[in-house]
Amino acid sequence: MELSSEATAAADAASKPFSRPVPLSEVHQLYRKHFEDCRKERRLLSTASFFVTFAAVRGVTHAIRAQRGPFRNITPGGRHIHHMTFGIAGLLTVGYLWMMEIGVDSQRRRASRITSGVYGAGAALTLDEFALWLNLADDYWNRQGRESIDAVALFGSLLAVSLTGRGFLAELLARTHAGAQPGRRADERSG
């Protein structure tokens, strides 16, 4: 199997030690270059939001179970509200907004970014309790709770595969590795 020039450059860059931080202006330039298309940016933001939210909710649930920190279960009137409830509400809200074509217009980037983040977070909150809605039992902490991790891994993998930020990350990595000279861009060094 033959690698693309982009993949080869990323592999070469990854094997070299870091030589300098990339200036923020270059990061912004690379981001604009690789995520000019709103759909690509939505995939990036949804994926990032999904994984960050999943990690955060797992940390919070472990803290609640260990009775550490300020976190407690939400139990108005003695009824436990699972975090998938907030995930479902977020997914329904984003679905409705996207159906109304709010957050999908390339001219209104802010709405696109917000709805993408809410979509990723909602999916993480919902899938983190996948075993609960699959088995109709609160099995978050027992063996069947593993089904939630499997669902998150599967959906997270699909999001990661759809993520088209490879070019951005490859170019960013290339600029941080040995051979980089301060003040010169990667395209200037190669020519």
C-alpha atoms as a PDB file:
ATOM      1  CA  MET A   1       0.000   0.000   0.000  1.00  0.00           C
ATOM      2  CA  GLU A   2       1.417   3.337  -1.048  1.00  0.00           C
ATOM      3  CA  LEU A   3       1.170   6.343   1.270  1.00  0.00           C
ATOM      4  CA  SER A   4       0.143   9.779   0.046  1.00  0.00           C
ATOM      5  CA  SER A   5       2.745  12.537   0.139  1.00  0.00           C
ATOM      6  CA  GLU A   6       0.783  14.105   3.005  1.00  0.00           C
ATOM      7  CA  ALA A   7       0.895  10.868   5.022  1.00  0.00           C
ATOM      8  CA  THR A   8       4.592  10.385   4.235  1.00  0.00           C
ATOM      9  CA  ALA A   9       5.371  13.944   5.379  1.00  0.00           C
ATOM     10  CA  ALA A  10       3.397  13.389   8.595  1.00  0.00           C
ATOM     11  CA  ALA A  11       5.204  10.106   9.289  1.00  0.00           C
ATOM     12  CA  ASP A  12       8.598  11.739   8.659  1.00  0.00           C
ATOM     13  CA  ALA A  13       7.696  14.664  10.911  1.00  0.00           C
ATOM     14  CA  ALA A  14       6.461  12.372  13.694  1.00  0.00           C
ATOM     15  CA  SER A  15       9.778  10.514  13.774  1.00  0.00           C
ATOM     16  CA  LYS A  16      11.795  13.702  14.399  1.00  0.00           C
ATOM     17  CA  PRO A  17      12.141  15.507  17.736  1.00  0.00           C
ATOM     18  CA  PHE A  18      10.261  18.753  18.289  1.00  0.00           C
ATOM     19  CA  SER A  19      12.384  21.777  17.556  1.00  0.00           C
ATOM     20  CA  ARG A  20      10.124  24.792  18.105  1.00  0.00           C
ATOM     21  CA  PRO A  21       6.584  25.788  18.975  1.00  0.00           C
ATOM     22  CA  VAL A  22       4.401  26.836  16.063  1.00  0.00           C
ATOM     23  CA  PRO A  23       3.393  30.514  16.303  1.00  0.00           C
ATOM     24  CA  LEU A  24      -0.306  31.011  16.966  1.00  0.00           C
ATOM     25  CA  SER A  25      -0.685  33.001  13.743  1.00  0.00           C
ATOM     26  CA  GLU A  26       0.493  29.950  11.766  1.00  0.00           C
ATOM     27  CA  VAL A  27      -1.937  27.688  13.637  1.00  0.00           C
ATOM     28  CA  HIS A  28      -4.789  30.075  12.736  1.00  0.00           C
ATOM     29  CA  GLN A  29      -3.619  30.153   9.123  1.00  0.00           C
ATOM     30  CA  LEU A  30      -3.500  26.342   8.958  1.00  0.00           C
ATOM     31  CA  TYR A  31      -6.919  26.049  10.599  1.00  0.00           C
ATOM     32  CA  ARG A  32      -8.497  28.452   8.079  1.00  0.00           C
ATOM     33  CA  LYS A  33      -6.826  26.583   5.225  1.00  0.00           C
ATOM     34  CA  HIS A  34      -7.973  23.112   6.281  1.00  0.00           C
ATOM     35  CA  PHE A  35     -11.388  23.958   7.757  1.00  0.00           C
ATOM     36  CA  GLU A  36     -12.672  26.590   5.362  1.00  0.00           C
ATOM     37  CA  ASP A  37     -15.523  24.198   4.525  1.00  0.00           C
ATOM     38  CA  CYS A  38     -18.153  24.339   7.299  1.00  0.00           C
ATOM     39  CA  ARG A  39     -18.871  20.616   7.011  1.00  0.00           C
ATOM     40  CA  LYS A  40     -15.252  19.731   7.735  1.00  0.00           C
ATOM     41  CA  GLU A  41     -15.200  22.100  10.690  1.00  0.00           C
ATOM     42  CA  ARG A  42     -18.460  20.624  12.037  1.00  0.00           C
ATOM     43  CA  ARG A  43     -16.934  17.130  11.912  1.00  0.00           C
ATOM     44  CA  LEU A  44     -13.843  18.337  13.768  1.00  0.00           C
ATOM     45  CA  LEU A  45     -15.808  20.175  16.460  1.00  0.00           C
ATOM     46  CA  SER A  46     -18.355  17.359  16.901  1.00  0.00           C
ATOM     47  CA  THR A  47     -15.581  14.804  17.295  1.00  0.00           C
ATOM     48  CA  ALA A  48     -13.611  16.935  19.762  1.00  0.00           C
ATOM     49  CA  SER A  49     -16.748  17.727  21.766  1.00  0.00           C
ATOM     50  CA  PHE A  50     -17.733  14.044  21.820  1.00  0.00           C
ATOM     51  CA  PHE A  51     -14.428  12.818  23.252  1.00  0.00           C
ATOM     52  CA  VAL A  52     -13.986  15.717  25.709  1.00  0.00           C
ATOM     53  CA  THR A  53     -17.547  15.326  27.003  1.00  0.00           C
ATOM     54  CA  PHE A  54     -17.201  11.554  27.340  1.00  0.00           C
ATOM     55  CA  ALA A  55     -13.968  11.913  29.321  1.00  0.00           C
ATOM     56  CA  ALA A  56     -15.489  14.633  31.521  1.00  0.00           C
ATOM     57  CA  VAL A  57     -18.711  12.733  32.238  1.00  0.00           C
ATOM     58  CA  ARG A  58     -16.782   9.577  33.112  1.00  0.00           C
ATOM     59  CA  GLY A  59     -14.632  11.607  35.502  1.00  0.00           C
ATOM     60  CA  VAL A  60     -17.681  13.222  37.102  1.00  0.00           C
ATOM     61  CA  THR A  61     -19.550   9.916  37.506  1.00  0.00           C
ATOM     62  CA  HIS A  62     -16.516   8.328  39.135  1.00  0.00           C
ATOM     63  CA  ALA A  63     -16.221  11.335  41.477  1.00  0.00           C
ATOM     64  CA  ILE A  64     -19.918  11.039  42.383  1.00  0.00           C
ATOM     65  CA  ARG A  65     -19.578   7.335  43.114  1.00  0.00           C
ATOM     66  CA  ALA A  66     -16.471   7.938  45.248  1.00  0.00           C
ATOM     67  CA  GLN A  67     -18.198  10.905  46.946  1.00  0.00           C
ATOM     68  CA  ARG A  68     -15.333  13.208  46.044  1.00  0.00           C
ATOM     69  CA  GLY A  69     -15.557  16.834  45.047  1.00  0.00           C
ATOM     70  CA  PRO A  70     -18.638  18.979  44.608  1.00  0.00           C
ATOM     71  CA  PHE A  71     -20.474  16.564  42.286  1.00  0.00           C
ATOM     72  CA  ARG A  72     -23.730  14.866  43.290  1.00  0.00           C
ATOM     73  CA  ASN A  73     -26.491  12.984  41.509  1.00  0.00           C
ATOM     74  CA  ILE A  74     -29.379  15.083  40.238  1.00  0.00           C
ATOM     75  CA  THR A  75     -32.431  13.825  42.139  1.00  0.00           C
ATOM     76  CA  PRO A  76     -35.328  16.312  42.147  1.00  0.00           C
ATOM     77  CA  GLY A  77     -38.177  14.925  44.236  1.00  0.00           C
ATOM     78  CA  GLY A  78     -36.184  11.761  44.884  1.00  0.00           C
ATOM     79  CA  ARG A  79     -36.112  10.745  41.180  1.00  0.00           C
ATOM     80  CA  HIS A  80     -32.616  10.202  39.737  1.00  0.00           C
ATOM     81  CA  ILE A  81     -32.100  12.043  36.460  1.00  0.00           C
ATOM     82  CA  HIS A  82     -29.543  10.226  34.284  1.00  0.00           C
ATOM     83  CA  HIS A  83     -27.137  12.294  32.199  1.00  0.00           C
ATOM     84  CA  MET A  84     -28.430  10.670  29.025  1.00  0.00           C
ATOM     85  CA  THR A  85     -31.550  12.824  29.552  1.00  0.00           C
ATOM     86  CA  PHE A  86     -29.465  15.928  28.869  1.00  0.00           C
ATOM     87  CA  GLY A  87     -27.812  14.195  25.918  1.00  0.00           C
ATOM     88  CA  ILE A  88     -31.164  13.331  24.362  1.00  0.00           C
ATOM     89  CA  ALA A  89     -32.388  16.899  24.892  1.00  0.00           C
ATOM     90  CA  GLY A  90     -29.231  18.219  23.206  1.00  0.00           C
ATOM     91  CA  LEU A  91     -29.557  15.836  20.258  1.00  0.00           C
ATOM     92  CA  LEU A  92     -33.248  16.703  19.795  1.00  0.00           C
ATOM     93  CA  THR A  93     -32.461  20.416  19.942  1.00  0.00           C
ATOM     94  CA  VAL A  94     -29.652  20.172  17.396  1.00  0.00           C
ATOM     95  CA  GLY A  95     -31.761  17.941  15.140  1.00  0.00           C
ATOM     96  CA  TYR A  96     -34.562  20.495  15.209  1.00  0.00           C
ATOM     97  CA  LEU A  97     -32.181  23.395  14.542  1.00  0.00           C
ATOM     98  CA  TRP A  98     -30.504  21.575  11.648  1.00  0.00           C
ATOM     99  CA  MET A  99     -33.936  20.649  10.248  1.00  0.00           C
ATOM    100  CA  MET A 100     -34.750  24.374  10.320  1.00  0.00           C
ATOM    101  CA  GLU A 101     -31.350  24.914   8.637  1.00  0.00           C
ATOM    102  CA  ILE A 102     -29.940  26.779  11.600  1.00  0.00           C
ATOM    103  CA  GLY A 103     -26.274  25.960  12.075  1.00  0.00           C
ATOM    104  CA  VAL A 104     -25.748  24.516   8.602  1.00  0.00           C
ATOM    105  CA  ASP A 105     -25.286  27.759   6.679  1.00  0.00           C
ATOM    106  CA  SER A 106     -21.662  28.461   5.752  1.00  0.00           C
ATOM    107  CA  GLN A 107     -22.249  32.182   6.268  1.00  0.00           C
ATOM    108  CA  ARG A 108     -23.181  31.769   9.949  1.00  0.00           C
ATOM    109  CA  ARG A 109     -20.130  30.006  11.358  1.00  0.00           C
ATOM    110  CA  ARG A 110     -20.943  30.691  14.996  1.00  0.00           C
ATOM    111  CA  ALA A 111     -24.253  28.782  14.891  1.00  0.00           C
ATOM    112  CA  SER A 112     -22.526  25.966  13.014  1.00  0.00           C
ATOM    113  CA  ARG A 113     -19.810  25.721  15.656  1.00  0.00           C
ATOM    114  CA  ILE A 114     -22.225  25.831  18.592  1.00  0.00           C
ATOM    115  CA  THR A 115     -24.594  23.200  17.178  1.00  0.00           C
ATOM    116  CA  SER A 116     -21.642  20.955  16.298  1.00  0.00           C
ATOM    117  CA  GLY A 117     -20.338  21.135  19.845  1.00  0.00           C
ATOM    118  CA  VAL A 118     -23.778  20.441  21.310  1.00  0.00           C
ATOM    119  CA  TYR A 119     -24.232  17.502  18.929  1.00  0.00           C
ATOM    120  CA  GLY A 120     -20.942  15.890  20.000  1.00  0.00           C
ATOM    121  CA  ALA A 121     -21.669  16.482  23.695  1.00  0.00           C
ATOM    122  CA  GLY A 122     -25.232  15.169  23.380  1.00  0.00           C
ATOM    123  CA  ALA A 123     -24.050  12.030  21.622  1.00  0.00           C
ATOM    124  CA  ALA A 124     -21.449  11.403  24.344  1.00  0.00           C
ATOM    125  CA  LEU A 125     -23.926  11.916  27.198  1.00  0.00           C
ATOM    126  CA  THR A 126     -26.440   9.606  25.535  1.00  0.00           C
ATOM    127  CA  LEU A 127     -24.056   6.847  24.490  1.00  0.00           C
ATOM    128  CA  ASP A 128     -22.299   6.852  27.856  1.00  0.00           C
ATOM    129  CA  GLU A 129     -25.521   5.339  29.193  1.00  0.00           C
ATOM    130  CA  PHE A 130     -26.193   3.111  26.178  1.00  0.00           C
ATOM    131  CA  ALA A 131     -26.384  -0.007  28.376  1.00  0.00           C
ATOM    132  CA  LEU A 132     -29.173   1.629  30.403  1.00  0.00           C
ATOM    133  CA  TRP A 133     -31.417   2.177  27.407  1.00  0.00           C
ATOM    134  CA  LEU A 134     -30.441  -1.140  25.804  1.00  0.00           C
ATOM    135  CA  ASN A 135     -31.141  -3.278  28.890  1.00  0.00           C
ATOM    136  CA  LEU A 136     -33.689  -0.985  30.587  1.00  0.00           C
ATOM    137  CA  ALA A 137     -31.713  -1.393  33.795  1.00  0.00           C
ATOM    138  CA  ASP A 138     -29.348   0.906  35.663  1.00  0.00           C
ATOM    139  CA  ASP A 139     -26.225  -1.157  35.036  1.00  0.00           C
ATOM    140  CA  TYR A 140     -23.651   1.615  34.692  1.00  0.00           C
ATOM    141  CA  TRP A 141     -21.288   0.064  37.234  1.00  0.00           C
ATOM    142  CA  ASN A 142     -21.702  -3.649  36.508  1.00  0.00           C
ATOM    143  CA  ARG A 143     -20.553  -5.903  33.654  1.00  0.00           C
ATOM    144  CA  GLN A 144     -23.401  -4.956  31.331  1.00  0.00           C
ATOM    145  CA  GLY A 145     -22.292  -1.339  31.680  1.00  0.00           C
ATOM    146  CA  ARG A 146     -19.388  -2.264  29.419  1.00  0.00           C
ATOM    147  CA  GLU A 147     -21.860  -2.098  26.510  1.00  0.00           C
ATOM    148  CA  SER A 148     -21.838   1.687  26.907  1.00  0.00           C
ATOM    149  CA  ILE A 149     -18.057   1.788  26.482  1.00  0.00           C
ATOM    150  CA  ASP A 150     -18.389  -0.386  23.377  1.00  0.00           C
ATOM    151  CA  ALA A 151     -21.028   1.956  21.918  1.00  0.00           C
ATOM    152  CA  VAL A 152     -18.860   5.005  22.633  1.00  0.00           C
ATOM    153  CA  ALA A 153     -15.823   3.333  21.061  1.00  0.00           C
ATOM    154  CA  LEU A 154     -17.800   2.420  17.940  1.00  0.00           C
ATOM    155  CA  PHE A 155     -19.418   5.832  17.468  1.00  0.00           C
ATOM    156  CA  GLY A 156     -16.210   7.650  18.403  1.00  0.00           C
ATOM    157  CA  SER A 157     -14.344   5.616  15.794  1.00  0.00           C
ATOM    158  CA  LEU A 158     -16.895   6.572  13.157  1.00  0.00           C
ATOM    159  CA  LEU A 159     -16.513  10.234  14.091  1.00  0.00           C
ATOM    160  CA  ALA A 160     -12.739   9.968  14.012  1.00  0.00           C
ATOM    161  CA  VAL A 161     -12.792   8.287  10.597  1.00  0.00           C
ATOM    162  CA  SER A 162     -15.022  11.029   9.217  1.00  0.00           C
ATOM    163  CA  LEU A 163     -12.722  13.672  10.603  1.00  0.00           C
ATOM    164  CA  THR A 164     -10.970  15.272   7.676  1.00  0.00           C
ATOM    165  CA  GLY A 165      -8.466  17.214   9.720  1.00  0.00           C
ATOM    166  CA  ARG A 166      -5.597  14.922   8.762  1.00  0.00           C
ATOM    167  CA  GLY A 167      -4.030  17.551   6.504  1.00  0.00           C
ATOM    168  CA  PHE A 168      -4.193  20.207   9.232  1.00  0.00           C
ATOM    169  CA  LEU A 169      -2.656  17.924  11.871  1.00  0.00           C
ATOM    170  CA  ALA A 170       0.025  16.629   9.474  1.00  0.00           C
ATOM    171  CA  GLU A 171       1.046  20.142   8.481  1.00  0.00           C
ATOM    172  CA  LEU A 172       1.007  21.340  12.098  1.00  0.00           C
ATOM    173  CA  LEU A 173       3.203  18.392  13.141  1.00  0.00           C
ATOM    174  CA  ALA A 174       5.589  19.039  10.258  1.00  0.00           C
ATOM    175  CA  ARG A 175       6.057  22.625  11.426  1.00  0.00           C
ATOM    176  CA  THR A 176       6.954  21.593  14.976  1.00  0.00           C
ATOM    177  CA  HIS A 177       9.678  19.097  14.141  1.00  0.00           C
ATOM    178  CA  ALA A 178      13.413  19.313  13.485  1.00  0.00           C
ATOM    179  CA  GLY A 179      14.491  21.246  10.465  1.00  0.00           C
ATOM    180  CA  ALA A 180      12.055  24.033  11.201  1.00  0.00           C
ATOM    181  CA  GLN A 181      13.665  27.415  11.244  1.00  0.00           C
ATOM    182  CA  PRO A 182      12.007  30.215  13.200  1.00  0.00           C
ATOM    183  CA  GLY A 183      10.155  32.641  10.967  1.00  0.00           C
ATOM    184  CA  ARG A 184      10.043  30.295   7.951  1.00  0.00           C
ATOM    185  CA  ARG A 185       7.004  28.333   6.836  1.00  0.00           C
ATOM    186  CA  ALA A 186       7.242  24.664   5.819  1.00  0.00           C
ATOM    187  CA  ASP A 187       6.618  25.512   2.138  1.00  0.00           C
ATOM    188  CA  GLU A 188       9.487  28.048   2.219  1.00  0.00           C
ATOM    189  CA  ARG A 189      11.907  25.497   3.722  1.00  0.00           C
ATOM    190  CA  SER A 190      11.242  22.864   1.083  1.00  0.00           C
ATOM    191  CA  GLY A 191      11.770  25.138  -1.893  1.00  0.00           C
END
